[in-house]
Structures are given as structure tokens and as C-alpha cells.
N, C-alpha and C. Protein backbone atom coordinates (compact mmCIF):
# COMPACT_ATOMS: atom_id res chain seq x y z
N MET A 1 2.36 -92.39 6.71
CA MET A 1 2.29 -92.87 8.06
C MET A 1 1.30 -92.36 8.61
N ASN A 2 0.51 -91.25 8.79
CA ASN A 2 -0.64 -91.20 9.59
C ASN A 2 -1.72 -92.18 9.28
N GLY A 3 -2.24 -92.25 10.50
CA GLY A 3 -3.39 -93.48 10.70
C GLY A 3 -3.19 -94.72 10.55
N ASN A 4 -2.04 -95.36 9.37
CA ASN A 4 -2.05 -96.54 9.64
C ASN A 4 -1.20 -96.83 11.23
N VAL A 5 -1.90 -98.39 11.35
CA VAL A 5 -1.51 -98.90 12.61
C VAL A 5 -0.11 -99.87 12.95
N ILE A 6 0.39 -99.62 13.91
CA ILE A 6 1.54 -100.04 14.06
C ILE A 6 1.57 -100.70 15.80
N ASN A 7 1.79 -102.23 15.29
CA ASN A 7 1.76 -103.18 16.40
C ASN A 7 3.00 -103.07 16.96
N VAL A 8 3.55 -103.18 18.28
CA VAL A 8 4.68 -103.42 19.11
C VAL A 8 4.11 -104.65 20.18
N GLY A 9 4.06 -105.87 19.60
CA GLY A 9 3.93 -106.98 20.61
C GLY A 9 2.29 -106.72 20.59
N ARG A 10 1.61 -106.20 21.55
CA ARG A 10 -0.44 -106.73 21.44
C ARG A 10 -0.40 -104.69 21.31
N ILE A 11 0.32 -104.33 21.52
CA ILE A 11 -0.01 -102.42 21.89
C ILE A 11 -0.21 -102.14 20.37
N GLU A 12 -1.06 -101.36 20.14
CA GLU A 12 -1.38 -100.91 18.73
C GLU A 12 -1.33 -98.71 18.65
N ILE A 13 -0.27 -98.43 17.42
CA ILE A 13 -0.21 -97.17 18.29
C ILE A 13 -0.83 -96.98 16.60
N ARG A 14 -1.70 -95.50 16.51
CA ARG A 14 -1.80 -95.13 15.49
C ARG A 14 -1.38 -93.95 15.17
N TYR A 15 -0.57 -93.11 14.79
CA TYR A 15 -0.43 -91.78 14.20
C TYR A 15 -1.30 -91.01 13.61
N LEU A 16 -1.46 -89.78 14.63
CA LEU A 16 -2.47 -89.02 14.13
C LEU A 16 -1.63 -87.65 13.49
N VAL A 17 -0.79 -87.27 13.94
CA VAL A 17 -0.17 -85.97 13.69
C VAL A 17 1.27 -86.40 14.09
N ASP A 18 2.49 -86.39 13.13
CA ASP A 18 3.79 -86.80 13.02
C ASP A 18 4.51 -85.61 13.14
N GLY A 19 4.87 -85.12 14.10
CA GLY A 19 5.71 -83.85 14.26
C GLY A 19 6.93 -83.80 14.21
N ALA A 20 7.48 -85.55 13.92
CA ALA A 20 8.70 -85.58 14.11
C ALA A 20 9.95 -84.71 13.51
N GLU A 21 9.41 -84.75 12.28
CA GLU A 21 10.05 -84.15 11.09
C GLU A 21 10.22 -82.26 10.93
N THR A 22 9.40 -81.75 12.01
CA THR A 22 8.96 -80.15 11.73
C THR A 22 9.55 -79.87 13.78
N ASP A 23 10.00 -81.19 14.41
CA ASP A 23 10.26 -81.00 15.71
C ASP A 23 8.76 -80.46 16.49
N GLY A 24 7.91 -80.64 16.03
CA GLY A 24 6.84 -80.22 16.60
C GLY A 24 5.57 -80.70 17.32
N LEU A 25 4.66 -80.75 17.73
CA LEU A 25 4.06 -81.67 18.63
C LEU A 25 3.51 -83.13 17.61
N GLY A 26 3.32 -83.72 18.39
CA GLY A 26 2.61 -85.18 18.07
C GLY A 26 1.66 -85.46 18.63
N VAL A 27 0.82 -86.46 18.31
CA VAL A 27 -0.60 -87.00 18.53
C VAL A 27 -0.47 -88.28 18.05
N PHE A 28 -0.72 -89.48 18.72
CA PHE A 28 -1.25 -90.59 18.24
C PHE A 28 -1.89 -91.27 19.44
N GLU A 29 -2.71 -92.27 19.00
CA GLU A 29 -3.80 -92.91 19.93
C GLU A 29 -3.06 -94.23 19.95
N MET A 30 -3.00 -94.86 21.12
CA MET A 30 -2.62 -96.20 21.28
C MET A 30 -3.59 -97.22 22.43
N THR A 31 -3.58 -98.28 21.81
CA THR A 31 -4.80 -99.36 22.11
C THR A 31 -3.97 -100.19 23.70
N VAL A 32 -3.95 -100.23 24.75
CA VAL A 32 -3.18 -101.60 25.32
C VAL A 32 -4.28 -102.44 25.79
N PRO A 33 -4.05 -103.71 25.30
CA PRO A 33 -5.07 -104.83 25.85
C PRO A 33 -4.61 -105.23 27.43
N PRO A 34 -5.40 -105.65 28.09
CA PRO A 34 -5.26 -106.11 28.92
C PRO A 34 -4.04 -107.29 29.33
N ASP A 35 -3.00 -107.31 30.10
CA ASP A 35 -1.65 -108.22 30.52
C ASP A 35 -1.01 -108.17 29.36
N ALA A 36 -0.85 -107.13 28.20
CA ALA A 36 0.00 -106.41 27.21
C ALA A 36 0.94 -106.06 28.27
N HIS A 37 2.38 -106.31 27.40
CA HIS A 37 3.97 -106.25 27.71
C HIS A 37 3.83 -104.82 27.37
N VAL A 38 4.36 -103.90 28.14
CA VAL A 38 4.64 -102.32 28.00
C VAL A 38 5.98 -102.17 28.49
N PRO A 39 6.53 -101.05 27.92
CA PRO A 39 7.89 -100.48 28.22
C PRO A 39 7.99 -100.60 29.12
N PRO A 40 9.20 -100.36 29.53
CA PRO A 40 9.65 -100.37 31.11
C PRO A 40 9.80 -98.88 31.33
N PRO A 41 9.55 -98.83 33.15
CA PRO A 41 9.95 -97.45 33.72
C PRO A 41 10.76 -96.38 33.01
N HIS A 42 10.37 -95.66 32.18
CA HIS A 42 11.43 -94.62 31.67
C HIS A 42 11.47 -93.00 31.34
N SER A 43 12.19 -92.09 31.26
CA SER A 43 12.32 -90.98 31.32
C SER A 43 12.29 -90.52 29.55
N HIS A 44 12.26 -89.36 29.23
CA HIS A 44 12.12 -88.67 28.19
C HIS A 44 13.04 -87.64 28.47
N THR A 45 14.58 -87.48 27.50
CA THR A 45 15.78 -86.06 27.55
C THR A 45 15.14 -85.32 27.07
N ASN A 46 14.37 -85.16 25.72
CA ASN A 46 13.75 -83.86 25.52
C ASN A 46 11.85 -83.88 24.99
N ASN A 47 11.41 -84.68 25.72
CA ASN A 47 9.67 -84.82 25.01
C ASN A 47 9.46 -84.60 26.65
N GLU A 48 8.00 -84.41 26.53
CA GLU A 48 6.96 -83.83 27.08
C GLU A 48 5.79 -84.72 27.07
N GLU A 49 5.52 -85.50 27.65
CA GLU A 49 3.75 -86.25 27.54
C GLU A 49 2.70 -86.16 27.77
N CYS A 50 1.41 -86.28 27.27
CA CYS A 50 0.36 -86.30 27.90
C CYS A 50 -0.16 -87.27 27.77
N VAL A 51 -1.22 -88.00 28.64
CA VAL A 51 -2.21 -88.93 28.31
C VAL A 51 -3.62 -88.47 28.33
N TYR A 52 -4.43 -89.14 27.73
CA TYR A 52 -5.52 -89.10 27.80
C TYR A 52 -6.44 -90.35 27.59
N VAL A 53 -7.47 -90.41 28.35
CA VAL A 53 -7.70 -91.70 28.36
C VAL A 53 -9.33 -91.32 27.43
N LEU A 54 -9.35 -92.24 26.43
CA LEU A 54 -10.80 -92.36 26.16
C LEU A 54 -11.69 -93.50 26.00
N GLU A 55 -11.26 -94.92 26.60
CA GLU A 55 -12.09 -96.43 26.67
C GLU A 55 -10.77 -96.96 27.69
N GLY A 56 -12.05 -97.53 28.54
CA GLY A 56 -11.03 -98.49 29.27
C GLY A 56 -10.23 -97.70 30.68
N VAL A 57 -9.53 -98.44 31.22
CA VAL A 57 -8.63 -97.84 32.29
C VAL A 57 -7.07 -98.01 31.61
N LEU A 58 -6.76 -97.09 32.36
CA LEU A 58 -5.01 -96.78 31.65
C LEU A 58 -3.96 -96.91 33.35
N ARG A 59 -3.61 -97.36 33.76
CA ARG A 59 -2.40 -97.47 34.80
C ARG A 59 -1.27 -96.39 34.39
N TYR A 60 -1.37 -95.41 34.66
CA TYR A 60 -0.12 -94.89 34.54
C TYR A 60 0.50 -93.87 36.11
N THR A 61 1.63 -94.01 35.83
CA THR A 61 2.92 -93.68 36.88
C THR A 61 3.90 -92.75 36.24
N VAL A 62 3.49 -91.03 37.12
CA VAL A 62 4.78 -90.22 36.88
C VAL A 62 5.50 -90.40 38.25
N ASP A 63 7.05 -90.42 38.09
CA ASP A 63 7.68 -90.60 39.51
C ASP A 63 7.26 -90.88 40.98
N GLY A 64 6.79 -92.24 40.20
CA GLY A 64 6.25 -92.85 41.69
C GLY A 64 4.43 -92.99 41.74
N HIS A 65 3.98 -91.75 41.59
CA HIS A 65 2.57 -91.47 41.60
C HIS A 65 1.80 -91.94 40.65
N SER A 66 0.87 -93.28 41.10
CA SER A 66 0.38 -93.81 40.13
C SER A 66 -1.28 -93.76 40.05
N ARG A 67 -2.18 -93.36 38.90
CA ARG A 67 -3.30 -93.36 38.92
C ARG A 67 -4.15 -93.86 37.90
N ASP A 68 -5.42 -94.96 38.60
CA ASP A 68 -6.01 -95.45 36.95
C ASP A 68 -6.72 -94.59 36.53
N LEU A 69 -6.27 -94.08 35.12
CA LEU A 69 -7.15 -93.21 34.80
C LEU A 69 -8.35 -93.88 33.64
N LYS A 70 -9.65 -93.34 33.75
CA LYS A 70 -10.85 -93.66 33.09
C LYS A 70 -11.03 -92.64 31.85
N PRO A 71 -11.75 -92.94 31.47
CA PRO A 71 -12.10 -92.07 30.13
C PRO A 71 -12.76 -90.52 30.07
N GLY A 72 -11.62 -89.67 29.79
CA GLY A 72 -11.80 -88.28 30.20
C GLY A 72 -10.97 -87.99 31.26
N GLU A 73 -9.65 -88.86 31.93
CA GLU A 73 -9.03 -88.41 32.90
C GLU A 73 -7.77 -88.38 31.94
N TRP A 74 -6.74 -87.53 32.31
CA TRP A 74 -5.33 -87.77 31.98
C TRP A 74 -4.32 -87.24 32.72
N MET A 75 -3.04 -87.18 32.18
CA MET A 75 -2.18 -87.28 33.50
C MET A 75 -0.99 -86.88 32.31
N SER A 76 0.11 -85.79 32.76
CA SER A 76 1.19 -85.33 31.91
C SER A 76 2.37 -85.82 33.00
N THR A 77 3.87 -85.84 31.82
CA THR A 77 5.04 -86.27 32.34
C THR A 77 5.87 -85.27 31.94
N PRO A 78 5.96 -84.05 32.74
CA PRO A 78 7.14 -83.54 32.66
C PRO A 78 8.69 -84.63 31.69
N ARG A 79 9.47 -83.72 31.02
CA ARG A 79 10.75 -83.57 30.43
C ARG A 79 11.70 -84.00 31.58
N GLY A 80 12.09 -85.47 31.46
CA GLY A 80 13.22 -86.34 32.62
C GLY A 80 12.21 -86.84 33.63
N SER A 81 10.83 -86.82 33.94
CA SER A 81 9.95 -87.42 34.88
C SER A 81 9.98 -88.93 34.37
N VAL A 82 10.14 -90.07 35.46
CA VAL A 82 10.50 -91.32 35.05
C VAL A 82 8.80 -91.98 35.02
N HIS A 83 8.39 -91.92 34.06
CA HIS A 83 6.67 -92.96 33.93
C HIS A 83 6.58 -94.23 33.63
N GLN A 84 5.34 -94.91 33.19
CA GLN A 84 5.06 -95.84 32.76
C GLN A 84 3.54 -96.18 33.05
N PHE A 85 3.66 -97.13 32.11
CA PHE A 85 1.81 -97.39 32.02
C PHE A 85 1.55 -98.92 32.03
N GLY A 86 -0.12 -99.34 32.28
CA GLY A 86 -0.29 -100.82 31.75
C GLY A 86 -1.68 -100.85 32.02
N ASN A 87 -2.43 -101.65 31.64
CA ASN A 87 -3.80 -102.05 31.57
C ASN A 87 -4.30 -103.22 32.45
N PRO A 88 -4.80 -102.36 33.83
CA PRO A 88 -5.15 -103.17 35.25
C PRO A 88 -6.84 -103.95 34.86
N GLY A 89 -7.50 -103.57 33.86
CA GLY A 89 -8.69 -103.62 33.56
C GLY A 89 -8.53 -104.91 32.78
N HIS A 90 -9.98 -105.14 32.19
CA HIS A 90 -10.53 -106.39 31.59
C HIS A 90 -10.84 -105.85 30.02
N ALA A 91 -10.47 -105.16 29.99
CA ALA A 91 -10.80 -104.38 28.77
C ALA A 91 -9.72 -103.81 28.26
N PRO A 92 -9.40 -103.62 26.40
CA PRO A 92 -8.67 -102.54 26.08
C PRO A 92 -8.58 -101.49 26.99
N ALA A 93 -7.75 -100.83 27.23
CA ALA A 93 -7.46 -99.49 26.99
C ALA A 93 -7.24 -98.41 25.84
N ARG A 94 -7.85 -97.20 25.43
CA ARG A 94 -7.45 -96.91 24.51
C ARG A 94 -6.99 -95.31 25.02
N ALA A 95 -6.56 -94.89 24.13
CA ALA A 95 -5.69 -93.28 24.78
C ALA A 95 -5.30 -92.69 23.74
N LEU A 96 -5.34 -90.96 24.12
CA LEU A 96 -4.66 -90.27 23.27
C LEU A 96 -3.39 -89.73 23.59
N VAL A 97 -1.94 -89.78 23.39
CA VAL A 97 -1.14 -89.57 23.87
C VAL A 97 -0.47 -88.11 22.85
N ILE A 98 -0.15 -87.54 23.58
CA ILE A 98 0.59 -86.03 22.90
C ILE A 98 1.59 -85.53 23.57
N LEU A 99 2.80 -86.20 22.27
CA LEU A 99 4.20 -85.57 22.57
C LEU A 99 5.07 -84.37 22.11
N THR A 100 5.68 -83.54 22.68
CA THR A 100 6.13 -82.11 22.22
C THR A 100 7.65 -81.80 22.65
N PRO A 101 8.48 -81.54 21.94
CA PRO A 101 8.43 -82.25 20.30
C PRO A 101 8.06 -83.93 20.33
N ASP A 102 7.75 -84.07 19.03
CA ASP A 102 7.40 -85.87 19.09
C ASP A 102 8.62 -86.54 19.18
N ILE A 103 8.37 -87.85 18.91
CA ILE A 103 9.49 -88.32 18.85
C ILE A 103 9.37 -89.44 17.74
N GLY A 104 8.15 -89.32 16.72
CA GLY A 104 7.69 -89.62 15.77
C GLY A 104 7.09 -91.25 15.65
N ALA A 105 6.71 -91.29 14.60
CA ALA A 105 6.13 -92.63 14.13
C ALA A 105 7.37 -93.79 14.31
N GLN A 106 8.46 -93.34 13.19
CA GLN A 106 9.64 -93.81 13.14
C GLN A 106 9.87 -94.43 14.32
N TYR A 107 9.98 -94.24 16.07
CA TYR A 107 10.49 -94.66 16.61
C TYR A 107 9.75 -95.84 17.04
N PHE A 108 8.54 -95.98 16.79
CA PHE A 108 7.62 -97.19 17.38
C PHE A 108 7.75 -98.02 16.33
N LEU A 109 8.16 -98.01 14.71
CA LEU A 109 8.75 -98.89 13.65
C LEU A 109 9.75 -99.23 14.16
N ASP A 110 11.00 -98.82 14.55
CA ASP A 110 12.18 -99.59 15.09
C ASP A 110 11.95 -100.13 16.21
N VAL A 111 11.07 -99.86 17.13
CA VAL A 111 10.85 -100.62 18.22
C VAL A 111 10.14 -102.48 18.41
N ALA A 112 9.04 -101.88 17.09
CA ALA A 112 8.15 -102.86 16.90
C ALA A 112 9.45 -103.98 15.99
N ALA A 113 10.17 -103.66 15.10
CA ALA A 113 11.06 -104.53 14.35
C ALA A 113 12.21 -105.39 15.13
N VAL A 114 12.46 -104.77 16.82
CA VAL A 114 12.68 -105.36 17.62
C VAL A 114 11.93 -106.22 18.28
N ALA A 115 10.67 -105.79 18.51
CA ALA A 115 9.91 -106.62 19.17
C ALA A 115 8.73 -107.98 18.96
N ASN A 116 8.56 -107.77 17.94
CA ASN A 116 7.72 -108.85 17.03
C ASN A 116 8.83 -109.29 16.18
N ALA A 117 9.99 -109.32 16.28
CA ALA A 117 10.80 -110.38 15.93
C ALA A 117 10.80 -111.53 15.88
N GLY A 118 10.59 -112.17 16.84
CA GLY A 118 10.22 -113.70 17.74
C GLY A 118 10.61 -113.98 18.65
N GLY A 119 10.35 -114.71 19.32
CA GLY A 119 10.73 -115.35 20.75
C GLY A 119 10.86 -113.82 21.84
N PRO A 120 11.63 -113.80 22.81
CA PRO A 120 11.30 -112.61 23.55
C PRO A 120 12.44 -111.42 22.61
N PRO A 121 11.59 -109.85 23.46
CA PRO A 121 12.57 -109.31 22.46
C PRO A 121 14.28 -109.09 22.92
N ASP A 122 15.02 -108.65 21.88
CA ASP A 122 16.21 -108.68 22.60
C ASP A 122 16.54 -107.18 23.18
N ARG A 123 16.86 -107.69 24.74
CA ARG A 123 16.57 -106.17 25.57
C ARG A 123 18.03 -105.19 24.91
N ALA A 124 19.38 -105.69 24.66
CA ALA A 124 19.99 -104.81 24.33
C ALA A 124 19.57 -103.95 23.25
N LYS A 125 18.67 -104.53 22.25
CA LYS A 125 18.74 -104.00 21.26
C LYS A 125 17.47 -102.79 21.51
N LEU A 126 16.46 -103.20 22.00
CA LEU A 126 15.74 -102.40 22.77
C LEU A 126 16.25 -101.29 23.36
N LEU A 127 16.90 -101.45 24.36
CA LEU A 127 17.65 -100.17 24.54
C LEU A 127 18.57 -99.75 23.87
N ALA A 128 18.92 -99.84 22.76
CA ALA A 128 19.61 -99.05 21.88
C ALA A 128 18.68 -98.33 21.17
N VAL A 129 17.32 -98.45 20.65
CA VAL A 129 16.36 -97.98 19.99
C VAL A 129 16.14 -96.69 20.94
N MET A 130 15.52 -96.97 22.24
CA MET A 130 15.16 -96.43 22.72
C MET A 130 16.24 -94.69 23.09
N SER A 131 17.86 -95.35 23.05
CA SER A 131 18.22 -94.24 23.33
C SER A 131 18.73 -93.66 22.26
N ARG A 132 18.53 -94.19 21.09
CA ARG A 132 18.64 -92.98 19.91
C ARG A 132 17.40 -91.85 19.84
N TYR A 133 16.15 -92.39 20.51
CA TYR A 133 15.40 -91.58 20.35
C TYR A 133 14.98 -90.73 22.17
N GLY A 134 16.41 -90.55 22.62
CA GLY A 134 16.23 -89.84 24.01
C GLY A 134 15.68 -90.20 25.32
N LEU A 135 15.15 -91.76 24.98
CA LEU A 135 14.88 -91.99 25.97
C LEU A 135 15.39 -92.92 27.11
N VAL A 136 15.16 -92.76 28.34
CA VAL A 136 15.72 -93.06 29.56
C VAL A 136 15.39 -94.52 30.14
N PRO A 137 15.69 -95.81 30.27
CA PRO A 137 15.30 -96.64 31.29
C PRO A 137 15.51 -96.13 32.59
N ALA A 138 14.45 -96.36 33.30
CA ALA A 138 14.65 -95.85 35.00
C ALA A 138 15.78 -96.78 35.59
N ALA A 139 16.43 -96.86 36.23
CA ALA A 139 17.30 -97.83 36.97
C ALA A 139 16.62 -98.37 38.20
N PRO A 140 16.91 -99.88 37.99
CA PRO A 140 16.23 -100.56 38.96
C PRO A 140 15.85 -100.28 40.16
N HIS A 141 14.80 -100.67 40.99
CA HIS A 141 15.11 -100.36 42.55
C HIS A 141 15.48 -101.21 43.13
């Protein structure tokens, strides 16, 4: 699976290090086009995350604190912190994402199967996939 692109809607995920099988560190490259549908605000029960921007601008929010990250800038998400991202720019944003322990490429394959099924994604199915991997949607404000 390493190096293969997983398309979740218009977002591209390319796993570089899949640490899910060893409960280790995972690294993937994520490309987010402008106006792409992104995951809802959520937290990870078991994982810490770091996002490092390579190209473009990625708006990243952790526990209500937002920053527009440019190349060379990064933010981390402690386990249990609510976070979300988006692309406020006019060009694709590309970032490295590091998870420890990793949720693995299979998570994105499972989400892609729901998100890419045609029509609006089935919210209940997406929430079920998220839950299986320890992701918790944030309560609406």
C-alpha cells in the first residue's frame, strides 16, 4: 500500500509509512484542493497527530485555535484534542501528516469506500468507520 494514492473525495492520501500493523508511527502525504470537502471536527482517542505543510496554505484548528499554515510550518494535535483542517487558498495544499500510533491506510480505504460511493456520503456509515478507528466527531456548537 505504501506510495499508492487513496482518493477520499477530492483529497489525496499517499501513505509513506504505514505503522498500523506494528502500532507504530505512521506518515502520509495529504493533498487538499481548494474547497474540498474535509472531515468534520473530531478527536482521536488513541493517537497524536502532527501536520507539516509542504505547499500551499492549510488552515488547521486545534481546540478552537486556528492558524493558516504555510510551507515549513506545523501544528500538533494532542490525543483527545478536537481538530479540523481546510484549504482557504486558491491552490492545492500539500502536507505531511504524522500519527502515533498510526491508524493506518486501511482507515482511509474504508472512508473512501463510503465517501466515493456516489451522491452525498452516508453520514451514519462514515461515523461508524470513524468510531471503529477511535475517531470521535466533535459535538456541534
